[in-house]
Amino acid sequence: VQSFYAMDFLLKYEITSYLLTDYLSDEHLSQIVDTSKKENIVAYNPK
């Protein structure tokens, strides 16, 4: 399972699972963000 949420879901049915989470790509982990350039924007996913 990728999350504790999924692990808890399976436990409700007495099913044991093993955690195997994912990770972000290096481009997101190593990016340098200048917060002084941020604008008063609220981003959202319409889906």
ModelCIF file with pLDDT and N, C-alpha, C, O atoms, coordinates in Angstrom:
data_MODEL
#
_entry.id   MODEL 
#
_entity.id                         1 
_entity.type                       polymer 
_entity.pdbx_number_of_molecules   1 
#
_entity_poly.entity_id                      1 
_entity_poly.type                           'polypeptide(L)' 
_entity_poly.nstd_linkage                   no 
_entity_poly.nstd_monomer                   no 
_entity_poly.pdbx_seq_one_letter_code       VQSFYAMDFLLKYEITSYLLTDYLSDEHLSQIVDTSKKENIVAYNPK 
_entity_poly.pdbx_seq_one_letter_code_can   VQSFYAMDFLLKYEITSYLLTDYLSDEHLSQIVDTSKKENIVAYNPK 
_entity_poly.pdbx_strand_id                 A 
#
loop_
_entity_poly_seq.entity_id 
_entity_poly_seq.num 
_entity_poly_seq.mon_id 
_entity_poly_seq.hetero 
1 1  VAL n 
1 2  GLN n 
1 3  SER n 
1 4  PHE n 
1 5  TYR n 
1 6  ALA n 
1 7  MET n 
1 8  ASP n 
1 9  PHE n 
1 10 LEU n 
1 11 LEU n 
1 12 LYS n 
1 13 TYR n 
1 14 GLU n 
1 15 ILE n 
1 16 THR n 
1 17 SER n 
1 18 TYR n 
1 19 LEU n 
1 20 LEU n 
1 21 THR n 
1 22 ASP n 
1 23 TYR n 
1 24 LEU n 
1 25 SER n 
1 26 ASP n 
1 27 GLU n 
1 28 HIS n 
1 29 LEU n 
1 30 SER n 
1 31 GLN n 
1 32 ILE n 
1 33 VAL n 
1 34 ASP n 
1 35 THR n 
1 36 SER n 
1 37 LYS n 
1 38 LYS n 
1 39 GLU n 
1 40 ASN n 
1 41 ILE n 
1 42 VAL n 
1 43 ALA n 
1 44 TYR n 
1 45 ASN n 
1 46 PRO n 
1 47 LYS n 
#
_struct_asym.id          A 
_struct_asym.entity_id   1 
#
loop_
_ma_qa_metric.id 
_ma_qa_metric.mode 
_ma_qa_metric.name 
_ma_qa_metric.software_group_id 
_ma_qa_metric.type 
1 global pLDDT . pLDDT 
2 local  pLDDT . pLDDT 
#
_ma_qa_metric_global.metric_id      1 
_ma_qa_metric_global.metric_value   92.23 
_ma_qa_metric_global.model_id       1 
_ma_qa_metric_global.ordinal_id     1 
#
loop_
_ma_qa_metric_local.label_asym_id 
_ma_qa_metric_local.label_comp_id 
_ma_qa_metric_local.label_seq_id 
_ma_qa_metric_local.metric_id 
_ma_qa_metric_local.metric_value 
_ma_qa_metric_local.model_id 
_ma_qa_metric_local.ordinal_id 
A VAL 1  2 92.00 1 1  
A GLN 2  2 92.00 1 2  
A SER 3  2 91.00 1 3  
A PHE 4  2 91.00 1 4  
A TYR 5  2 92.00 1 5  
A ALA 6  2 92.00 1 6  
A MET 7  2 92.00 1 7  
A ASP 8  2 92.00 1 8  
A PHE 9  2 90.00 1 9  
A LEU 10 2 90.00 1 10 
A LEU 11 2 90.00 1 11 
A LYS 12 2 90.00 1 12 
A TYR 13 2 88.00 1 13 
A GLU 14 2 89.00 1 14 
A ILE 15 2 90.00 1 15 
A THR 16 2 88.00 1 16 
A SER 17 2 90.00 1 17 
A TYR 18 2 89.00 1 18 
A LEU 19 2 90.00 1 19 
A LEU 20 2 92.00 1 20 
A THR 21 2 91.00 1 21 
A ASP 22 2 92.00 1 22 
A TYR 23 2 90.00 1 23 
A LEU 24 2 93.00 1 24 
A SER 25 2 91.00 1 25 
A ASP 26 2 89.00 1 26 
A GLU 27 2 89.00 1 27 
A HIS 28 2 92.00 1 28 
A LEU 29 2 89.00 1 29 
A SER 30 2 90.00 1 30 
A GLN 31 2 91.00 1 31 
A ILE 32 2 92.00 1 32 
A VAL 33 2 95.00 1 33 
A ASP 34 2 96.00 1 34 
A THR 35 2 96.00 1 35 
A SER 36 2 96.00 1 36 
A LYS 37 2 96.00 1 37 
A LYS 38 2 98.00 1 38 
A GLU 39 2 98.00 1 39 
A ASN 40 2 98.00 1 40 
A ILE 41 2 98.00 1 41 
A VAL 42 2 98.00 1 42 
A ALA 43 2 98.00 1 43 
A TYR 44 2 97.00 1 44 
A ASN 45 2 93.00 1 45 
A PRO 46 2 92.00 1 46 
A LYS 47 2 87.00 1 47 
#
loop_
_atom_site.group_PDB 
_atom_site.id 
_atom_site.type_symbol 
_atom_site.label_atom_id 
_atom_site.label_alt_id 
_atom_site.label_comp_id 
_atom_site.label_asym_id 
_atom_site.label_entity_id 
_atom_site.label_seq_id 
_atom_site.pdbx_PDB_ins_code 
_atom_site.Cartn_x 
_atom_site.Cartn_y 
_atom_site.Cartn_z 
_atom_site.occupancy 
_atom_site.B_iso_or_equiv 
_atom_site.pdbx_formal_charge 
_atom_site.auth_seq_id 
_atom_site.auth_comp_id 
_atom_site.auth_asym_id 
_atom_site.auth_atom_id 
_atom_site.pdbx_PDB_model_num 
ATOM 1   N N  . VAL A 1 1  ? 0.837   -1.199 0.000   1.00 92.00 ? 1  VAL A N  1 
ATOM 2   C CA . VAL A 1 1  ? 0.000   0.000  0.000   1.00 92.00 ? 1  VAL A CA 1 
ATOM 3   C C  . VAL A 1 1  ? 0.871   1.248  0.000   1.00 92.00 ? 1  VAL A C  1 
ATOM 4   O O  . VAL A 1 1  ? 1.988   1.251  0.518   1.00 92.00 ? 1  VAL A O  1 
ATOM 5   N N  . GLN A 1 2  ? 0.337   2.298  -0.588  1.00 92.00 ? 2  GLN A N  1 
ATOM 6   C CA . GLN A 1 2  ? 1.098   3.537  -0.750  1.00 92.00 ? 2  GLN A CA 1 
ATOM 7   C C  . GLN A 1 2  ? 0.863   4.523  0.395   1.00 92.00 ? 2  GLN A C  1 
ATOM 8   O O  . GLN A 1 2  ? 1.547   5.542  0.494   1.00 92.00 ? 2  GLN A O  1 
ATOM 9   N N  . SER A 1 3  ? -0.116  4.213  1.265   1.00 91.00 ? 3  SER A N  1 
ATOM 10  C CA . SER A 1 3  ? -0.456  5.148  2.339   1.00 91.00 ? 3  SER A CA 1 
ATOM 11  C C  . SER A 1 3  ? -0.932  4.400  3.583   1.00 91.00 ? 3  SER A C  1 
ATOM 12  O O  . SER A 1 3  ? -1.354  3.246  3.512   1.00 91.00 ? 3  SER A O  1 
ATOM 13  N N  . PHE A 1 4  ? -0.854  5.079  4.709   1.00 91.00 ? 4  PHE A N  1 
ATOM 14  C CA . PHE A 1 4  ? -1.401  4.526  5.947   1.00 91.00 ? 4  PHE A CA 1 
ATOM 15  C C  . PHE A 1 4  ? -2.922  4.423  5.845   1.00 91.00 ? 4  PHE A C  1 
ATOM 16  O O  . PHE A 1 4  ? -3.535  3.539  6.443   1.00 91.00 ? 4  PHE A O  1 
ATOM 17  N N  . TYR A 1 5  ? -3.511  5.318  5.095   1.00 92.00 ? 5  TYR A N  1 
ATOM 18  C CA . TYR A 1 5  ? -4.960  5.283  4.890   1.00 92.00 ? 5  TYR A CA 1 
ATOM 19  C C  . TYR A 1 5  ? -5.381  3.952  4.260   1.00 92.00 ? 5  TYR A C  1 
ATOM 20  O O  . TYR A 1 5  ? -6.345  3.329  4.706   1.00 92.00 ? 5  TYR A O  1 
ATOM 21  N N  . ALA A 1 6  ? -4.661  3.521  3.226   1.00 92.00 ? 6  ALA A N  1 
ATOM 22  C CA . ALA A 1 6  ? -4.958  2.242  2.575   1.00 92.00 ? 6  ALA A CA 1 
ATOM 23  C C  . ALA A 1 6  ? -4.683  1.078  3.523   1.00 92.00 ? 6  ALA A C  1 
ATOM 24  O O  . ALA A 1 6  ? -5.426  0.097  3.544   1.00 92.00 ? 6  ALA A O  1 
ATOM 25  N N  . MET A 1 7  ? -3.619  1.193  4.300   1.00 92.00 ? 7  MET A N  1 
ATOM 26  C CA . MET A 1 7  ? -3.290  0.143  5.266   1.00 92.00 ? 7  MET A CA 1 
ATOM 27  C C  . MET A 1 7  ? -4.411  -0.021 6.291   1.00 92.00 ? 7  MET A C  1 
ATOM 28  O O  . MET A 1 7  ? -4.802  -1.141 6.620   1.00 92.00 ? 7  MET A O  1 
ATOM 29  N N  . ASP A 1 8  ? -4.919  1.092  6.789   1.00 92.00 ? 8  ASP A N  1 
ATOM 30  C CA . ASP A 1 8  ? -6.021  1.053  7.754   1.00 92.00 ? 8  ASP A CA 1 
ATOM 31  C C  . ASP A 1 8  ? -7.280  0.464  7.138   1.00 92.00 ? 8  ASP A C  1 
ATOM 32  O O  . ASP A 1 8  ? -8.020  -0.267 7.797   1.00 92.00 ? 8  ASP A O  1 
ATOM 33  N N  . PHE A 1 9  ? -7.521  0.786  5.870   1.00 90.00 ? 9  PHE A N  1 
ATOM 34  C CA . PHE A 1 9  ? -8.696  0.250  5.175   1.00 90.00 ? 9  PHE A CA 1 
ATOM 35  C C  . PHE A 1 9  ? -8.645  -1.275 5.134   1.00 90.00 ? 9  PHE A C  1 
ATOM 36  O O  . PHE A 1 9  ? -9.638  -1.940 5.428   1.00 90.00 ? 9  PHE A O  1 
ATOM 37  N N  . LEU A 1 10 ? -7.491  -1.825 4.771   1.00 90.00 ? 10 LEU A N  1 
ATOM 38  C CA . LEU A 1 10 ? -7.356  -3.281 4.694   1.00 90.00 ? 10 LEU A CA 1 
ATOM 39  C C  . LEU A 1 10 ? -7.431  -3.928 6.071   1.00 90.00 ? 10 LEU A C  1 
ATOM 40  O O  . LEU A 1 10 ? -7.946  -5.036 6.220   1.00 90.00 ? 10 LEU A O  1 
ATOM 41  N N  . LEU A 1 11 ? -6.915  -3.227 7.073   1.00 90.00 ? 11 LEU A N  1 
ATOM 42  C CA . LEU A 1 11 ? -6.959  -3.778 8.428   1.00 90.00 ? 11 LEU A CA 1 
ATOM 43  C C  . LEU A 1 11 ? -8.391  -3.969 8.923   1.00 90.00 ? 11 LEU A C  1 
ATOM 44  O O  . LEU A 1 11 ? -8.653  -4.847 9.744   1.00 90.00 ? 11 LEU A O  1 
ATOM 45  N N  . LYS A 1 12 ? -9.304  -3.160 8.433   1.00 90.00 ? 12 LYS A N  1 
ATOM 46  C CA . LYS A 1 12 ? -10.714 -3.309 8.806   1.00 90.00 ? 12 LYS A CA 1 
ATOM 47  C C  . LYS A 1 12 ? -11.265 -4.660 8.363   1.00 90.00 ? 12 LYS A C  1 
ATOM 48  O O  . LYS A 1 12 ? -12.246 -5.157 8.917   1.00 90.00 ? 12 LYS A O  1 
ATOM 49  N N  . TYR A 1 13 ? -10.623 -5.243 7.362   1.00 88.00 ? 13 TYR A N  1 
ATOM 50  C CA . TYR A 1 13 ? -11.008 -6.570 6.871   1.00 88.00 ? 13 TYR A CA 1 
ATOM 51  C C  . TYR A 1 13 ? -10.003 -7.635 7.323   1.00 88.00 ? 13 TYR A C  1 
ATOM 52  O O  . TYR A 1 13 ? -9.954  -8.743 6.790   1.00 88.00 ? 13 TYR A O  1 
ATOM 53  N N  . GLU A 1 14 ? -9.202  -7.253 8.332   1.00 89.00 ? 14 GLU A N  1 
ATOM 54  C CA . GLU A 1 14 ? -8.186  -8.145 8.899   1.00 89.00 ? 14 GLU A CA 1 
ATOM 55  C C  . GLU A 1 14 ? -7.182  -8.612 7.856   1.00 89.00 ? 14 GLU A C  1 
ATOM 56  O O  . GLU A 1 14 ? -6.728  -9.755 7.878   1.00 89.00 ? 14 GLU A O  1 
ATOM 57  N N  . ILE A 1 15 ? -6.847  -7.714 6.948   1.00 90.00 ? 15 ILE A N  1 
ATOM 58  C CA . ILE A 1 15 ? -5.859  -8.003 5.907   1.00 90.00 ? 15 ILE A CA 1 
ATOM 59  C C  . ILE A 1 15 ? -4.595  -7.210 6.200   1.00 90.00 ? 15 ILE A C  1 
ATOM 60  O O  . ILE A 1 15 ? -4.623  -5.987 6.334   1.00 90.00 ? 15 ILE A O  1 
ATOM 61  N N  . THR A 1 16 ? -3.494  -7.929 6.296   1.00 88.00 ? 16 THR A N  1 
ATOM 62  C CA . THR A 1 16 ? -2.204  -7.292 6.556   1.00 88.00 ? 16 THR A CA 1 
ATOM 63  C C  . THR A 1 16 ? -1.612  -6.773 5.248   1.00 88.00 ? 16 THR A C  1 
ATOM 64  O O  . THR A 1 16 ? -1.733  -7.412 4.203   1.00 88.00 ? 16 THR A O  1 
ATOM 65  N N  . SER A 1 17 ? -0.978  -5.622 5.316   1.00 90.00 ? 17 SER A N  1 
ATOM 66  C CA . SER A 1 17 ? -0.328  -5.060 4.129   1.00 90.00 ? 17 SER A CA 1 
ATOM 67  C C  . SER A 1 17 ? 1.015   -4.462 4.517   1.00 90.00 ? 17 SER A C  1 
ATOM 68  O O  . SER A 1 17 ? 1.324   -4.282 5.695   1.00 90.00 ? 17 SER A O  1 
ATOM 69  N N  . TYR A 1 18 ? 1.793   -4.164 3.507   1.00 89.00 ? 18 TYR A N  1 
ATOM 70  C CA . TYR A 1 18 ? 3.127   -3.597 3.720   1.00 89.00 ? 18 TYR A CA 1 
ATOM 71  C C  . TYR A 1 18 ? 3.213   -2.235 3.047   1.00 89.00 ? 18 TYR A C  1 
ATOM 72  O O  . TYR A 1 18 ? 2.750   -2.048 1.921   1.00 89.00 ? 18 TYR A O  1 
ATOM 73  N N  . LEU A 1 19 ? 3.799   -1.313 3.743   1.00 90.00 ? 19 LEU A N  1 
ATOM 74  C CA . LEU A 1 19 ? 3.892   0.060  3.244   1.00 90.00 ? 19 LEU A CA 1 
ATOM 75  C C  . LEU A 1 19 ? 4.977   0.165  2.183   1.00 90.00 ? 19 LEU A C  1 
ATOM 76  O O  . LEU A 1 19 ? 6.117   -0.246 2.399   1.00 90.00 ? 19 LEU A O  1 
ATOM 77  N N  . LEU A 1 20 ? 4.608   0.719  1.036   1.00 92.00 ? 20 LEU A N  1 
ATOM 78  C CA . LEU A 1 20 ? 5.568   1.011  -0.025  1.00 92.00 ? 20 LEU A CA 1 
ATOM 79  C C  . LEU A 1 20 ? 5.153   2.344  -0.641  1.00 92.00 ? 20 LEU A C  1 
ATOM 80  O O  . LEU A 1 20 ? 4.471   2.385  -1.664  1.00 92.00 ? 20 LEU A O  1 
ATOM 81  N N  . THR A 1 21 ? 5.571   3.414  -0.008  1.00 91.00 ? 21 THR A N  1 
ATOM 82  C CA . THR A 1 21 ? 5.168   4.752  -0.448  1.00 91.00 ? 21 THR A CA 1 
ATOM 83  C C  . THR A 1 21 ? 5.997   5.168  -1.661  1.00 91.00 ? 21 THR A C  1 
ATOM 84  O O  . THR A 1 21 ? 7.020   4.553  -1.964  1.00 91.00 ? 21 THR A O  1 
ATOM 85  N N  . ASP A 1 22 ? 5.556   6.196  -2.338  1.00 92.00 ? 22 ASP A N  1 
ATOM 86  C CA . ASP A 1 22 ? 6.303   6.683  -3.491  1.00 92.00 ? 22 ASP A CA 1 
ATOM 87  C C  . ASP A 1 22 ? 7.058   7.959  -3.117  1.00 92.00 ? 22 ASP A C  1 
ATOM 88  O O  . ASP A 1 22 ? 7.126   8.338  -1.948  1.00 92.00 ? 22 ASP A O  1 
ATOM 89  N N  . TYR A 1 23 ? 7.614   8.604  -4.120  1.00 90.00 ? 23 TYR A N  1 
ATOM 90  C CA . TYR A 1 23 ? 8.364   9.844  -3.863  1.00 90.00 ? 23 TYR A CA 1 
ATOM 91  C C  . TYR A 1 23 ? 8.325   10.723 -5.095  1.00 90.00 ? 23 TYR A C  1 
ATOM 92  O O  . TYR A 1 23 ? 8.056   10.250 -6.199  1.00 90.00 ? 23 TYR A O  1 
ATOM 93  N N  . LEU A 1 24 ? 8.592   11.996 -4.903  1.00 93.00 ? 24 LEU A N  1 
ATOM 94  C CA . LEU A 1 24 ? 8.585   12.956 -6.002  1.00 93.00 ? 24 LEU A CA 1 
ATOM 95  C C  . LEU A 1 24 ? 9.881   12.864 -6.795  1.00 93.00 ? 24 LEU A C  1 
ATOM 96  O O  . LEU A 1 24 ? 10.901  12.395 -6.290  1.00 93.00 ? 24 LEU A O  1 
ATOM 97  N N  . SER A 1 25 ? 9.827   13.314 -8.035  1.00 91.00 ? 25 SER A N  1 
ATOM 98  C CA . SER A 1 25 ? 11.036  13.339 -8.864  1.00 91.00 ? 25 SER A CA 1 
ATOM 99  C C  . SER A 1 25 ? 11.991  14.424 -8.361  1.00 91.00 ? 25 SER A C  1 
ATOM 100 O O  . SER A 1 25 ? 11.591  15.349 -7.653  1.00 91.00 ? 25 SER A O  1 
ATOM 101 N N  . ASP A 1 26 ? 13.240  14.287 -8.739  1.00 89.00 ? 26 ASP A N  1 
ATOM 102 C CA . ASP A 1 26 ? 14.283  15.203 -8.257  1.00 89.00 ? 26 ASP A CA 1 
ATOM 103 C C  . ASP A 1 26 ? 14.011  16.657 -8.630  1.00 89.00 ? 26 ASP A C  1 
ATOM 104 O O  . ASP A 1 26 ? 14.408  17.572 -7.908  1.00 89.00 ? 26 ASP A O  1 
ATOM 105 N N  . GLU A 1 27 ? 13.331  16.868 -9.762  1.00 89.00 ? 27 GLU A N  1 
ATOM 106 C CA . GLU A 1 27 ? 13.068  18.252 -10.184 1.00 89.00 ? 27 GLU A CA 1 
ATOM 107 C C  . GLU A 1 27 ? 12.225  19.007 -9.160  1.00 89.00 ? 27 GLU A C  1 
ATOM 108 O O  . GLU A 1 27 ? 12.361  20.222 -9.014  1.00 89.00 ? 27 GLU A O  1 
ATOM 109 N N  . HIS A 1 28 ? 11.355  18.287 -8.451  1.00 92.00 ? 28 HIS A N  1 
ATOM 110 C CA . HIS A 1 28 ? 10.547  18.924 -7.409  1.00 92.00 ? 28 HIS A CA 1 
ATOM 111 C C  . HIS A 1 28 ? 11.317  19.029 -6.089  1.00 92.00 ? 28 HIS A C  1 
ATOM 112 O O  . HIS A 1 28 ? 11.139  19.978 -5.325  1.00 92.00 ? 28 HIS A O  1 
ATOM 113 N N  . LEU A 1 29 ? 12.158  18.056 -5.843  1.00 89.00 ? 29 LEU A N  1 
ATOM 114 C CA . LEU A 1 29 ? 12.878  18.027 -4.565  1.00 89.00 ? 29 LEU A CA 1 
ATOM 115 C C  . LEU A 1 29 ? 14.032  19.017 -4.529  1.00 89.00 ? 29 LEU A C  1 
ATOM 116 O O  . LEU A 1 29 ? 14.407  19.498 -3.460  1.00 89.00 ? 29 LEU A O  1 
ATOM 117 N N  . SER A 1 30 ? 14.593  19.322 -5.687  1.00 90.00 ? 30 SER A N  1 
ATOM 118 C CA . SER A 1 30 ? 15.788  20.172 -5.719  1.00 90.00 ? 30 SER A CA 1 
ATOM 119 C C  . SER A 1 30 ? 15.515  21.595 -6.189  1.00 90.00 ? 30 SER A C  1 
ATOM 120 O O  . SER A 1 30 ? 16.436  22.405 -6.292  1.00 90.00 ? 30 SER A O  1 
ATOM 121 N N  . GLN A 1 31 ? 14.256  21.901 -6.472  1.00 91.00 ? 31 GLN A N  1 
ATOM 122 C CA . GLN A 1 31 ? 13.953  23.228 -7.006  1.00 91.00 ? 31 GLN A CA 1 
ATOM 123 C C  . GLN A 1 31 ? 14.241  24.331 -5.975  1.00 91.00 ? 31 GLN A C  1 
ATOM 124 O O  . GLN A 1 31 ? 14.079  24.137 -4.771  1.00 91.00 ? 31 GLN A O  1 
ATOM 125 N N  . ILE A 1 32 ? 14.660  25.460 -6.472  1.00 92.00 ? 32 ILE A N  1 
ATOM 126 C CA . ILE A 1 32 ? 14.912  26.624 -5.627  1.00 92.00 ? 32 ILE A CA 1 
ATOM 127 C C  . ILE A 1 32 ? 13.814  27.646 -5.920  1.00 92.00 ? 32 ILE A C  1 
ATOM 128 O O  . ILE A 1 32 ? 13.693  28.138 -7.042  1.00 92.00 ? 32 ILE A O  1 
ATOM 129 N N  . VAL A 1 33 ? 13.028  27.953 -4.909  1.00 95.00 ? 33 VAL A N  1 
ATOM 130 C CA . VAL A 1 33 ? 11.884  28.850 -5.087  1.00 95.00 ? 33 VAL A CA 1 
ATOM 131 C C  . VAL A 1 33 ? 12.152  30.164 -4.369  1.00 95.00 ? 33 VAL A C  1 
ATOM 132 O O  . VAL A 1 33 ? 12.460  30.184 -3.178  1.00 95.00 ? 33 VAL A O  1 
ATOM 133 N N  . ASP A 1 34 ? 12.031  31.245 -5.097  1.00 96.00 ? 34 ASP A N  1 
ATOM 134 C CA . ASP A 1 34 ? 12.180  32.584 -4.526  1.00 96.00 ? 34 ASP A CA 1 
ATOM 135 C C  . ASP A 1 34 ? 10.798  33.039 -4.041  1.00 96.00 ? 34 ASP A C  1 
ATOM 136 O O  . ASP A 1 34 ? 9.964   33.475 -4.834  1.00 96.00 ? 34 ASP A O  1 
ATOM 137 N N  . THR A 1 35 ? 10.572  32.930 -2.736  1.00 96.00 ? 35 THR A N  1 
ATOM 138 C CA . THR A 1 35 ? 9.243   33.254 -2.198  1.00 96.00 ? 35 THR A CA 1 
ATOM 139 C C  . THR A 1 35 ? 8.904   34.736 -2.344  1.00 96.00 ? 35 THR A C  1 
ATOM 140 O O  . THR A 1 35 ? 7.734   35.110 -2.271  1.00 96.00 ? 35 THR A O  1 
ATOM 141 N N  . SER A 1 36 ? 9.906   35.577 -2.550  1.00 96.00 ? 36 SER A N  1 
ATOM 142 C CA . SER A 1 36 ? 9.625   37.004 -2.724  1.00 96.00 ? 36 SER A CA 1 
ATOM 143 C C  . SER A 1 36 ? 8.900   37.268 -4.048  1.00 96.00 ? 36 SER A C  1 
ATOM 144 O O  . SER A 1 36 ? 8.311   38.334 -4.233  1.00 96.00 ? 36 SER A O  1 
ATOM 145 N N  . LYS A 1 37 ? 8.942   36.308 -4.959  1.00 96.00 ? 37 LYS A N  1 
ATOM 146 C CA . LYS A 1 37 ? 8.287   36.464 -6.260  1.00 96.00 ? 37 LYS A CA 1 
ATOM 147 C C  . LYS A 1 37 ? 6.890   35.848 -6.276  1.00 96.00 ? 37 LYS A C  1 
ATOM 148 O O  . LYS A 1 37 ? 6.208   35.865 -7.301  1.00 96.00 ? 37 LYS A O  1 
ATOM 149 N N  . LYS A 1 38 ? 6.475   35.311 -5.145  1.00 98.00 ? 38 LYS A N  1 
ATOM 150 C CA . LYS A 1 38 ? 5.147   34.708 -5.097  1.00 98.00 ? 38 LYS A CA 1 
ATOM 151 C C  . LYS A 1 38 ? 4.062   35.787 -5.122  1.00 98.00 ? 38 LYS A C  1 
ATOM 152 O O  . LYS A 1 38 ? 4.239   36.894 -4.612  1.00 98.00 ? 38 LYS A O  1 
ATOM 153 N N  . GLU A 1 39 ? 2.939   35.423 -5.731  1.00 98.00 ? 39 GLU A N  1 
ATOM 154 C CA . GLU A 1 39 ? 1.817   36.341 -5.848  1.00 98.00 ? 39 GLU A CA 1 
ATOM 155 C C  . GLU A 1 39 ? 0.653   35.838 -4.996  1.00 98.00 ? 39 GLU A C  1 
ATOM 156 O O  . GLU A 1 39 ? 0.649   34.693 -4.543  1.00 98.00 ? 39 GLU A O  1 
ATOM 157 N N  . ASN A 1 40 ? -0.325  36.706 -4.786  1.00 98.00 ? 40 ASN A N  1 
ATOM 158 C CA . ASN A 1 40 ? -1.495  36.320 -3.987  1.00 98.00 ? 40 ASN A CA 1 
ATOM 159 C C  . ASN A 1 40 ? -2.439  35.447 -4.823  1.00 98.00 ? 40 ASN A C  1 
ATOM 160 O O  . ASN A 1 40 ? -3.548  35.847 -5.176  1.00 98.00 ? 40 ASN A O  1 
ATOM 161 N N  . ILE A 1 41 ? -1.953  34.251 -5.120  1.00 98.00 ? 41 ILE A N  1 
ATOM 162 C CA . ILE A 1 41 ? -2.686  33.293 -5.940  1.00 98.00 ? 41 ILE A CA 1 
ATOM 163 C C  . ILE A 1 41 ? -2.988  32.050 -5.120  1.00 98.00 ? 41 ILE A C  1 
ATOM 164 O O  . ILE A 1 41 ? -2.134  31.545 -4.391  1.00 98.00 ? 41 ILE A O  1 
ATOM 165 N N  . VAL A 1 42 ? -4.223  31.562 -5.252  1.00 98.00 ? 42 VAL A N  1 
ATOM 166 C CA . VAL A 1 42 ? -4.620  30.286 -4.655  1.00 98.00 ? 42 VAL A CA 1 
ATOM 167 C C  . VAL A 1 42 ? -4.823  29.314 -5.803  1.00 98.00 ? 42 VAL A C  1 
ATOM 168 O O  . VAL A 1 42 ? -5.770  29.453 -6.577  1.00 98.00 ? 42 VAL A O  1 
ATOM 169 N N  . ALA A 1 43 ? -3.937  28.328 -5.920  1.00 98.00 ? 43 ALA A N  1 
ATOM 170 C CA . ALA A 1 43 ? -4.047  27.326 -6.985  1.00 98.00 ? 43 ALA A CA 1 
ATOM 171 C C  . ALA A 1 43 ? -4.926  26.175 -6.514  1.00 98.00 ? 43 ALA A C  1 
ATOM 172 O O  . ALA A 1 43 ? -4.952  25.841 -5.330  1.00 98.00 ? 43 ALA A O  1 
ATOM 173 N N  . TYR A 1 44 ? -5.642  25.574 -7.456  1.00 97.00 ? 44 TYR A N  1 
ATOM 174 C CA . TYR A 1 44 ? -6.494  24.441 -7.099  1.00 97.00 ? 44 TYR A CA 1 
ATOM 175 C C  . TYR A 1 44 ? -6.690  23.526 -8.302  1.00 97.00 ? 44 TYR A C  1 
ATOM 176 O O  . TYR A 1 44 ? -6.546  23.945 -9.450  1.00 97.00 ? 44 TYR A O  1 
ATOM 177 N N  . ASN A 1 45 ? -7.020  22.272 -8.018  1.00 93.00 ? 45 ASN A N  1 
ATOM 178 C CA . ASN A 1 45 ? -7.308  21.289 -9.047  1.00 93.00 ? 45 ASN A CA 1 
ATOM 179 C C  . ASN A 1 45 ? -8.825  21.174 -9.167  1.00 93.00 ? 45 ASN A C  1 
ATOM 180 O O  . ASN A 1 45 ? -9.470  20.706 -8.229  1.00 93.00 ? 45 ASN A O  1 
ATOM 181 N N  . PRO A 1 46 ? -9.417  21.589 -10.294 1.00 92.00 ? 46 PRO A N  1 
ATOM 182 C CA . PRO A 1 46 ? -10.888 21.576 -10.415 1.00 92.00 ? 46 PRO A CA 1 
ATOM 183 C C  . PRO A 1 46 ? -11.493 20.171 -10.428 1.00 92.00 ? 46 PRO A C  1 
ATOM 184 O O  . PRO A 1 46 ? -12.712 20.019 -10.336 1.00 92.00 ? 46 PRO A O  1 
ATOM 185 N N  . LYS A 1 47 ? -10.645 19.146 -10.540 1.00 87.00 ? 47 LYS A N  1 
ATOM 186 C CA . LYS A 1 47 ? -11.144 17.773 -10.537 1.00 87.00 ? 47 LYS A CA 1 
ATOM 187 C C  . LYS A 1 47 ? -11.252 17.206 -9.126  1.00 87.00 ? 47 LYS A C  1 
ATOM 188 O O  . LYS A 1 47 ? -11.658 16.057 -8.952  1.00 87.00 ? 47 LYS A O  1 
#
